[in-house]
Amino acid sequence: MTTTHETSTMKKAYRRLVPFLFILLIVNYLDRVNVGFAALTMNKELGLSATAFGLGAGVFFVAYALFEVPANAMLSRIGARLWIGIIMIAWGLASCGMAFIHGETSFYVLRFIVGAAEAGFMPGVIAYLATWFPVRYRARANAGVVVATALASAIGSPLSGFLLKWTDGVMGMSGWRWMFIYEAIPAVLLGFVVFWWLTDSPRQAAWLDAGERDWLVKELDAERRQLAATESMTLRQVLALPRVWTLSALFSCFLSALYGVLLWAPQIVKSLGALNDIEVGLLGSLPFCCAAIAMVMIARRSDRVNERRLHVAAAMGVGGIALLLSAYAPNPYLAFVLLCVAAAGIWGSLGVFWSMTSTFLAGPSAALGIAVINTLAQVGGFVGPTSVGFIKDHTGNFSLALAVLAGFALLASLIAWLLDDSGQRNVVTQIAPGAKAAGKAGA
């Protein structure tokens, strides 16, 4: 009976939540990284240098980091359904505003606003999945959603290339301006759909049978009891955990490599030959298709063997080596193939990494911990794109910049390799005495 409930419950939860959250994240990443495609024509029109564009791309992550922890605290307070919907509507409107920038200052300001509006969405989704999927199902569920970060670029590349070309000049506006408008509309519309579709917790899931609800609630409660001492940690206690800082350092290096490639990919692909915007879009989608396939395959294997650390280390290692070789490949064709391998390795570790962040804290503390890790790591989101722009301006090409990004990927691999597998147990041991003392004081 338990086996039957387990199978049916997980299938229903996966089908109900993962595809929908996947679509939301597609829209999220499309609005986050379409500035890379806009740069193909926007930079020249506005007179933005590579350094200015890199700084503007990086400013997003400054705002993201500043507002992320407060955003996730709000999610725990008012519920995922309401808060995720509000976030989507807000960032959609802000992203639409990117169509009306007119110089460096307005570019920086709007990118900051978009970053502030999006803060809390991604870690909020990961924390939300942790309230629905037991640990042994979590990497697959995470990967089923975060694979959108790769497919958003695979879909967005040809879509953005098409919009740049075919909307250029409509009503006297440049194609990149229309691209921002059209790609922001789905976020606003889906924000209202969220209010109706998402369910805050398994106990409220009318779309599960009573037996299925009972099984899932008991399963998650059993896991939560193992981490009960960590459920009500303060921000100061979370920040005192060495594992939080280690995972933050790992993810910071990861984001440096990921966003450095992601936001500059259209210009990197265009530098390989005389390609128009549509050709850049179609060709630029291939690395991210490879990334999506790798992400699902690696996550499934990680769940099957119940191992996280070495999967992240191996995937990031392959990605870093391929990116380094791509930087100095003797011809553009080999460079592009290696870029596809690099994307598969770097993105392939993402679903497994997020599973590592939600297995040593419980309840509201899990949402807080994920937000803290993601916030501290946003320095990588700033460093990656900014360093690429700076190096490109001073060297005239992307080779050294890609080599630097490869170094970040390899450092992330090393951190994962050295990560203590007993970290979860150590966290509970560290915090349990304080929790017990607080309980006695309260009594």
Protein backbone atom coordinates (compact mmCIF):
# COMPACT_ATOMS: atom_id res chain seq x y z
CA MET A 1 0.00 0.00 0.00
CA THR A 2 2.79 2.41 0.91
CA THR A 3 4.61 1.61 -2.31
CA THR A 4 1.46 2.29 -4.32
CA HIS A 5 0.90 5.61 -2.58
CA GLU A 6 4.54 6.58 -2.99
CA THR A 7 4.56 5.93 -6.73
CA SER A 8 1.24 7.62 -7.46
CA THR A 9 1.92 10.59 -5.17
CA MET A 10 5.31 11.36 -6.65
CA LYS A 11 3.97 11.07 -10.19
CA LYS A 12 1.10 13.44 -9.42
CA ALA A 13 3.32 15.93 -7.59
CA TYR A 14 5.89 15.87 -10.37
CA ARG A 15 3.30 16.33 -13.13
CA ARG A 16 1.43 19.03 -11.26
CA LEU A 17 4.36 21.14 -10.09
CA VAL A 18 7.53 20.50 -12.08
CA PRO A 19 6.31 21.31 -15.64
CA PHE A 20 4.59 24.48 -14.43
CA LEU A 21 7.57 25.69 -12.42
CA PHE A 22 9.76 24.79 -15.39
CA ILE A 23 7.72 27.17 -17.57
CA LEU A 24 8.00 29.91 -14.94
CA LEU A 25 11.76 29.51 -14.81
CA ILE A 26 11.98 29.57 -18.62
CA VAL A 27 10.31 32.97 -18.53
CA ASN A 28 12.47 34.05 -15.60
CA TYR A 29 15.76 33.26 -17.31
CA LEU A 30 14.58 34.62 -20.63
CA ASP A 31 13.95 37.99 -19.00
CA ARG A 32 17.21 37.76 -17.08
CA VAL A 33 19.58 36.99 -19.96
CA ASN A 34 17.90 38.46 -23.04
CA VAL A 35 20.06 41.51 -22.43
CA GLY A 36 22.88 39.43 -23.95
CA PHE A 37 21.00 39.29 -27.25
CA ALA A 38 19.90 42.90 -27.04
CA ALA A 39 23.60 43.78 -26.85
CA LEU A 40 24.08 42.70 -30.48
CA THR A 41 22.43 45.97 -31.57
CA MET A 42 21.68 47.85 -28.34
CA ASN A 43 25.33 48.48 -27.45
CA LYS A 44 26.03 50.26 -30.72
CA GLU A 45 22.80 52.27 -30.65
CA LEU A 46 23.37 53.47 -27.08
CA GLY A 47 27.15 53.76 -27.37
CA LEU A 48 27.85 51.16 -24.66
CA SER A 49 31.39 49.80 -24.46
CA ALA A 50 32.04 46.15 -23.56
CA THR A 51 33.03 47.29 -20.07
CA ALA A 52 29.82 49.31 -19.65
CA PHE A 53 27.69 46.40 -20.85
CA GLY A 54 29.50 43.97 -18.53
CA LEU A 55 28.97 46.31 -15.60
CA GLY A 56 25.29 46.72 -16.41
CA ALA A 57 24.87 42.97 -16.75
CA GLY A 58 26.56 42.53 -13.38
CA VAL A 59 24.56 45.24 -11.56
CA PHE A 60 21.56 42.92 -11.81
CA PHE A 61 23.26 40.56 -9.35
CA VAL A 62 24.08 43.32 -6.88
CA ALA A 63 20.37 44.07 -6.53
CA TYR A 64 19.56 40.36 -6.55
CA ALA A 65 21.90 39.79 -3.62
CA LEU A 66 20.64 42.77 -1.61
CA PHE A 67 16.98 41.81 -1.82
CA GLU A 68 17.10 38.02 -1.85
CA VAL A 69 17.09 37.19 1.86
CA PRO A 70 14.25 39.65 2.65
CA ALA A 71 12.32 38.22 -0.33
CA ASN A 72 12.63 34.65 0.92
CA ALA A 73 11.66 35.70 4.43
CA MET A 74 8.50 37.10 2.90
CA LEU A 75 7.88 33.81 1.07
CA SER A 76 7.95 31.92 4.38
CA ARG A 77 5.59 34.47 5.88
CA ILE A 78 2.84 34.74 3.25
CA GLY A 79 3.24 31.47 1.31
CA ALA A 80 4.80 30.49 -1.99
CA ARG A 81 1.67 30.81 -4.11
CA LEU A 82 1.04 34.47 -3.34
CA TRP A 83 4.65 35.60 -3.18
CA ILE A 84 5.88 33.88 -6.38
CA GLY A 85 2.94 35.38 -8.27
CA ILE A 86 3.75 38.88 -6.98
CA ILE A 87 7.44 38.47 -7.88
CA MET A 88 6.59 37.44 -11.44
CA ILE A 89 4.29 40.38 -12.07
CA ALA A 90 6.86 42.81 -10.64
CA TRP A 91 9.82 41.54 -12.66
CA GLY A 92 7.71 41.38 -15.84
CA LEU A 93 6.86 45.05 -15.55
CA ALA A 94 10.49 45.94 -14.73
CA SER A 95 11.83 43.89 -17.65
CA CYS A 96 9.38 45.62 -19.98
CA GLY A 97 10.84 48.92 -18.78
CA MET A 98 14.20 47.87 -20.28
CA ALA A 99 12.70 48.77 -23.66
CA PHE A 100 12.88 52.45 -22.76
CA ILE A 101 16.50 52.87 -21.65
CA HIS A 102 18.48 55.55 -23.46
CA GLY A 103 22.04 55.42 -22.11
CA GLU A 104 24.46 53.99 -19.57
CA THR A 105 22.73 55.40 -16.48
CA SER A 106 19.23 54.21 -17.38
CA PHE A 107 20.72 50.84 -18.38
CA TYR A 108 22.30 50.44 -14.95
CA VAL A 109 19.17 51.61 -13.11
CA LEU A 110 16.75 49.31 -14.96
CA ARG A 111 19.04 46.30 -14.64
CA PHE A 112 19.21 46.99 -10.90
CA ILE A 113 15.41 47.17 -10.69
CA VAL A 114 14.98 43.91 -12.63
CA GLY A 115 17.46 42.24 -10.27
CA ALA A 116 15.59 43.51 -7.22
CA ALA A 117 12.26 42.35 -8.64
CA GLU A 118 13.56 38.85 -9.43
CA ALA A 119 15.24 38.40 -6.05
CA GLY A 120 13.82 35.45 -4.18
CA PHE A 121 12.26 33.69 -7.17
CA MET A 122 14.86 30.99 -7.86
CA PRO A 123 15.71 30.16 -4.21
CA GLY A 124 12.01 30.41 -3.44
CA VAL A 125 11.25 27.76 -6.05
CA ILE A 126 14.00 25.48 -4.70
CA ALA A 127 12.71 25.90 -1.13
CA TYR A 128 9.16 25.24 -2.38
CA LEU A 129 10.23 21.98 -4.07
CA ALA A 130 11.83 20.87 -0.79
CA THR A 131 8.38 21.08 0.85
CA TRP A 132 6.95 18.69 -1.73
CA PHE A 133 9.65 16.16 -2.64
CA PRO A 134 11.46 13.81 -0.20
CA VAL A 135 15.25 13.87 -0.43
CA ARG A 136 15.51 10.77 -2.61
CA TYR A 137 13.34 12.43 -5.28
CA ARG A 138 14.70 15.94 -4.96
CA ALA A 139 17.58 16.06 -7.46
CA ARG A 140 15.32 14.88 -10.25
CA ALA A 141 12.61 17.39 -9.28
CA ASN A 142 15.16 20.21 -9.01
CA ALA A 143 16.70 19.29 -12.35
CA GLY A 144 13.26 19.06 -13.97
CA VAL A 145 12.75 22.71 -13.05
CA VAL A 146 16.23 24.23 -13.32
CA VAL A 147 16.83 22.59 -16.70
CA ALA A 148 14.84 25.65 -17.76
CA THR A 149 17.96 27.75 -17.15
CA ALA A 150 19.55 25.96 -20.10
CA LEU A 151 16.47 25.60 -22.29
CA ALA A 152 15.58 29.27 -21.79
CA SER A 153 18.73 30.10 -23.70
CA ALA A 154 18.08 27.35 -26.26
CA ILE A 155 14.59 28.73 -26.86
CA GLY A 156 15.50 32.35 -26.27
CA SER A 157 18.40 32.42 -28.70
CA PRO A 158 16.40 31.86 -31.92
CA LEU A 159 13.38 33.72 -30.50
CA SER A 160 15.46 36.77 -29.61
CA GLY A 161 17.26 36.64 -32.95
CA PHE A 162 13.91 36.55 -34.74
CA LEU A 163 12.51 39.46 -32.72
CA LEU A 164 15.64 41.54 -33.26
CA LYS A 165 15.32 41.18 -37.02
CA TRP A 166 11.58 41.20 -37.70
CA THR A 167 10.43 43.85 -35.24
CA ASP A 168 13.23 46.29 -35.99
CA GLY A 169 11.73 49.63 -37.06
CA VAL A 170 8.13 48.79 -36.14
CA MET A 171 6.49 52.00 -34.93
CA GLY A 172 9.91 53.63 -35.13
CA MET A 173 11.40 51.41 -32.39
CA SER A 174 14.49 49.23 -32.58
CA GLY A 175 14.11 45.45 -32.55
CA TRP A 176 15.89 45.06 -29.21
CA ARG A 177 13.31 47.32 -27.57
CA TRP A 178 10.42 45.21 -28.90
CA MET A 179 12.26 42.09 -27.76
CA PHE A 180 12.23 43.30 -24.15
CA ILE A 181 8.50 44.09 -24.36
CA TYR A 182 7.38 40.84 -25.98
CA GLU A 183 9.50 38.64 -23.71
CA ALA A 184 8.26 40.41 -20.55
CA ILE A 185 4.54 39.88 -21.24
CA PRO A 186 4.47 36.14 -20.29
CA ALA A 187 5.88 36.88 -16.82
CA VAL A 188 3.00 39.23 -16.00
CA LEU A 189 0.33 36.88 -17.34
CA LEU A 190 1.75 33.78 -15.65
CA GLY A 191 2.05 35.68 -12.38
CA PHE A 192 -1.75 35.70 -12.20
CA VAL A 193 -1.93 32.00 -13.16
CA VAL A 194 0.33 31.18 -10.18
CA PHE A 195 -2.35 32.38 -7.76
CA TRP A 196 -4.65 29.65 -9.06
CA TRP A 197 -2.30 26.76 -9.89
CA LEU A 198 0.20 26.45 -7.01
CA THR A 199 -0.64 24.90 -3.63
CA ASP A 200 1.27 26.12 -0.58
CA SER A 201 1.73 22.71 1.09
CA PRO A 202 0.85 19.00 0.65
CA ARG A 203 -1.78 19.27 3.41
CA GLN A 204 -3.76 21.64 1.17
CA ALA A 205 -3.44 19.58 -2.03
CA ALA A 206 -7.00 18.75 -3.10
CA TRP A 207 -5.53 17.19 -6.26
CA LEU A 208 -4.03 14.34 -4.15
CA ASP A 209 -6.11 11.51 -2.72
CA ALA A 210 -6.40 11.36 1.06
CA GLY A 211 -4.04 8.36 1.24
CA GLU A 212 -1.52 10.09 -1.01
CA ARG A 213 -1.63 13.27 1.08
CA ASP A 214 -1.14 11.28 4.27
CA TRP A 215 1.83 9.39 2.85
CA LEU A 216 3.56 12.55 1.60
CA VAL A 217 2.94 14.51 4.80
CA LYS A 218 4.28 11.64 6.95
CA GLU A 219 7.32 11.17 4.71
CA LEU A 220 8.25 14.85 4.77
CA ASP A 221 7.52 15.14 8.49
CA ALA A 222 9.85 12.20 9.16
CA GLU A 223 12.65 13.92 7.26
CA ARG A 224 11.91 17.19 9.00
CA ARG A 225 12.13 15.55 12.43
CA GLN A 226 15.68 14.44 11.61
CA LEU A 227 16.54 18.11 11.15
CA ALA A 228 14.18 19.48 13.80
CA ALA A 229 17.02 21.28 15.58
CA THR A 230 17.65 23.34 12.45
CA GLU A 231 14.04 24.29 11.69
CA SER A 232 13.90 27.63 13.51
CA MET A 233 17.42 28.96 13.14
CA THR A 234 18.04 32.69 13.04
CA LEU A 235 19.92 34.43 10.26
CA ARG A 236 22.95 34.73 12.57
CA GLN A 237 22.90 30.98 13.24
CA VAL A 238 22.65 30.17 9.55
CA LEU A 239 25.56 32.47 8.79
CA ALA A 240 27.62 30.72 11.47
CA LEU A 241 27.45 27.37 9.65
CA PRO A 242 30.68 26.54 7.76
CA ARG A 243 28.69 24.48 5.24
CA VAL A 244 26.70 27.56 4.21
CA TRP A 245 29.90 29.44 3.42
CA THR A 246 31.45 26.48 1.61
CA LEU A 247 28.39 26.00 -0.61
CA SER A 248 28.27 29.77 -1.18
CA ALA A 249 31.90 29.79 -2.36
CA LEU A 250 31.23 26.82 -4.63
CA PHE A 251 28.14 28.44 -6.12
CA SER A 252 29.86 31.80 -6.51
CA CYS A 253 32.54 30.18 -8.70
CA PHE A 254 29.81 28.31 -10.54
CA LEU A 255 27.86 31.51 -11.26
CA SER A 256 30.99 33.30 -12.46
CA ALA A 257 31.46 30.64 -15.12
CA LEU A 258 27.76 30.21 -15.91
CA TYR A 259 26.78 33.85 -16.31
CA GLY A 260 30.04 34.78 -17.95
CA VAL A 261 29.21 32.30 -20.71
CA LEU A 262 25.45 32.89 -20.68
CA LEU A 263 25.36 36.67 -21.01
CA TRP A 264 28.20 36.80 -23.53
CA ALA A 265 27.30 33.67 -25.55
CA PRO A 266 25.61 35.53 -28.42
CA GLN A 267 28.64 37.76 -28.93
CA ILE A 268 31.03 34.81 -28.49
CA VAL A 269 29.16 32.80 -31.14
CA LYS A 270 29.05 35.79 -33.49
CA SER A 271 32.81 36.21 -33.15
CA LEU A 272 33.25 32.69 -34.60
CA GLY A 273 32.31 33.86 -38.10
CA ALA A 274 30.26 36.20 -40.30
CA LEU A 275 26.81 35.31 -38.97
CA ASN A 276 23.59 37.32 -38.95
CA ASP A 277 21.44 37.64 -35.81
CA ILE A 278 19.09 34.76 -36.70
CA GLU A 279 22.04 32.44 -37.47
CA VAL A 280 23.64 33.44 -34.16
CA GLY A 281 20.36 32.60 -32.43
CA LEU A 282 20.01 29.17 -34.00
CA LEU A 283 23.65 28.21 -33.54
CA GLY A 284 23.75 29.71 -30.05
CA SER A 285 20.93 27.42 -28.91
CA LEU A 286 22.99 24.23 -29.38
CA PRO A 287 25.24 24.55 -26.29
CA PHE A 288 22.17 24.98 -24.11
CA CYS A 289 20.40 21.98 -25.65
CA CYS A 290 23.46 19.94 -24.66
CA ALA A 291 23.30 21.51 -21.20
CA ALA A 292 19.63 20.55 -20.75
CA ILE A 293 20.24 16.91 -21.67
CA ALA A 294 23.26 16.68 -19.36
CA MET A 295 21.38 18.25 -16.45
CA VAL A 296 18.58 15.68 -16.54
CA MET A 297 20.93 12.71 -17.02
CA ILE A 298 23.30 13.71 -14.22
CA ALA A 299 20.45 14.45 -11.79
CA ARG A 300 18.78 11.08 -12.43
CA ARG A 301 22.04 9.23 -11.86
CA SER A 302 22.68 11.26 -8.70
CA ASP A 303 19.26 10.29 -7.31
CA ARG A 304 19.73 6.66 -8.33
CA VAL A 305 23.04 6.23 -6.48
CA ASN A 306 22.18 8.82 -3.78
CA GLU A 307 25.42 10.79 -4.24
CA ARG A 308 25.76 14.55 -4.79
CA ARG A 309 29.26 15.86 -4.12
CA LEU A 310 31.23 13.85 -6.68
CA HIS A 311 28.60 14.40 -9.37
CA VAL A 312 28.98 18.17 -8.98
CA ALA A 313 32.78 17.95 -8.89
CA ALA A 314 33.01 15.75 -12.00
CA ALA A 315 30.53 17.79 -14.06
CA MET A 316 32.16 21.13 -13.18
CA GLY A 317 35.61 19.66 -13.86
CA VAL A 318 34.61 18.55 -17.35
CA GLY A 319 32.97 21.92 -17.99
CA GLY A 320 36.01 23.88 -16.85
CA ILE A 321 38.48 21.85 -18.92
CA ALA A 322 36.31 22.09 -22.05
CA LEU A 323 35.91 25.85 -21.58
CA LEU A 324 39.66 26.29 -21.22
CA LEU A 325 40.33 24.25 -24.37
CA SER A 326 37.65 26.23 -26.20
CA ALA A 327 39.45 29.48 -25.39
CA TYR A 328 42.53 28.43 -27.35
CA ALA A 329 41.11 26.01 -29.93
CA PRO A 330 42.91 26.24 -33.30
CA ASN A 331 39.69 26.77 -35.30
CA PRO A 332 36.21 28.16 -34.60
CA TYR A 333 34.45 24.85 -35.27
CA LEU A 334 36.38 22.98 -32.59
CA ALA A 335 35.94 25.96 -30.27
CA PHE A 336 32.17 25.77 -30.69
CA VAL A 337 32.05 22.00 -30.06
CA LEU A 338 34.09 22.49 -26.89
CA LEU A 339 31.75 25.31 -25.84
CA CYS A 340 28.86 22.80 -26.11
CA VAL A 341 30.75 20.34 -23.90
CA ALA A 342 31.53 23.13 -21.42
CA ALA A 343 27.85 24.11 -21.22
CA ALA A 344 26.87 20.47 -20.63
CA GLY A 345 29.37 20.14 -17.79
CA ILE A 346 28.68 23.46 -16.07
CA TRP A 347 24.88 23.40 -16.31
CA GLY A 348 24.79 19.64 -15.77
CA SER A 349 25.71 20.03 -12.11
CA LEU A 350 23.01 22.59 -11.27
CA GLY A 351 20.12 20.31 -10.29
CA VAL A 352 22.40 18.21 -8.08
CA PHE A 353 23.89 21.29 -6.43
CA TRP A 354 20.48 22.62 -5.40
CA SER A 355 19.72 19.25 -3.81
CA MET A 356 22.82 19.71 -1.66
CA THR A 357 21.49 23.04 -0.33
CA SER A 358 18.19 21.65 0.98
CA THR A 359 19.33 18.57 2.90
CA PHE A 360 20.89 20.04 6.05
CA LEU A 361 18.22 22.54 7.11
CA ALA A 362 14.45 22.21 7.56
CA GLY A 363 11.32 24.34 7.42
CA PRO A 364 11.73 28.14 7.31
CA SER A 365 15.45 27.71 7.99
CA ALA A 366 15.80 25.80 4.71
CA ALA A 367 14.33 28.71 2.76
CA LEU A 368 16.56 31.11 4.68
CA GLY A 369 19.66 28.95 4.14
CA ILE A 370 19.04 28.61 0.40
CA ALA A 371 18.52 32.37 0.15
CA VAL A 372 21.73 33.06 2.08
CA ILE A 373 23.76 30.68 -0.10
CA ASN A 374 22.32 32.18 -3.27
CA THR A 375 22.81 35.73 -1.97
CA LEU A 376 26.45 35.26 -0.99
CA ALA A 377 27.09 33.56 -4.32
CA GLN A 378 25.78 36.47 -6.37
CA VAL A 379 29.24 38.02 -6.23
CA GLY A 380 30.01 35.43 -8.92
CA GLY A 381 27.12 36.66 -11.03
CA PHE A 382 28.70 40.12 -10.90
CA VAL A 383 32.33 39.04 -11.34
CA GLY A 384 31.77 36.73 -14.34
CA PRO A 385 30.07 39.11 -16.82
CA THR A 386 32.04 42.13 -15.60
CA SER A 387 35.42 40.43 -15.97
CA VAL A 388 34.55 39.21 -19.48
CA GLY A 389 33.73 42.77 -20.57
CA PHE A 390 36.87 44.23 -19.00
CA ILE A 391 39.18 41.58 -20.50
CA LYS A 392 37.52 41.81 -23.93
CA ASP A 393 38.04 45.59 -24.01
CA HIS A 394 41.73 45.22 -23.12
CA THR A 395 42.63 42.21 -25.29
CA GLY A 396 40.27 42.54 -28.25
CA ASN A 397 39.03 38.93 -28.08
CA PHE A 398 37.37 36.39 -25.75
CA SER A 399 40.23 33.88 -25.32
CA LEU A 400 41.65 35.12 -22.02
CA ALA A 401 38.16 35.86 -20.70
CA LEU A 402 37.04 32.28 -21.37
CA ALA A 403 40.19 30.99 -19.70
CA VAL A 404 39.35 33.01 -16.58
CA LEU A 405 35.81 31.62 -16.56
CA ALA A 406 37.27 28.12 -16.92
CA GLY A 407 39.36 28.79 -13.84
CA PHE A 408 36.22 29.60 -11.86
CA ALA A 409 34.58 26.35 -13.03
CA LEU A 410 37.63 24.30 -12.03
CA LEU A 411 37.75 26.01 -8.63
CA ALA A 412 34.08 25.10 -8.10
CA SER A 413 34.95 21.50 -8.99
CA LEU A 414 37.77 21.48 -6.45
CA ILE A 415 35.55 22.88 -3.67
CA ALA A 416 32.92 20.22 -4.37
CA TRP A 417 35.58 17.51 -4.36
CA LEU A 418 36.89 18.63 -0.95
CA LEU A 419 33.43 19.16 0.58
CA ASP A 420 32.88 17.17 3.78
CA ASP A 421 30.14 14.56 3.22
CA SER A 422 29.34 14.64 6.92
CA GLY A 423 28.26 18.29 6.66
CA GLN A 424 24.58 17.58 7.22
CA ARG A 425 25.20 15.59 10.39
CA ASN A 426 27.65 18.22 11.65
CA VAL A 427 25.10 21.01 11.18
CA VAL A 428 22.54 19.21 13.33
CA THR A 429 25.18 18.51 15.98
CA GLN A 430 26.33 22.14 16.01
CA ILE A 431 22.88 23.64 16.42
CA ALA A 432 21.12 21.04 18.55
CA PRO A 433 22.48 22.20 21.96
CA GLY A 434 21.38 25.77 21.29
CA ALA A 435 17.96 24.61 20.17
CA LYS A 436 17.55 22.48 23.28
CA ALA A 437 18.56 25.37 25.49
CA ALA A 438 16.06 27.64 23.80
CA GLY A 439 13.37 25.01 24.27
CA LYS A 440 14.07 24.77 27.98
CA ALA A 441 14.05 28.54 28.33
CA GLY A 442 10.71 28.70 26.56
CA ALA A 443 9.28 26.03 28.84
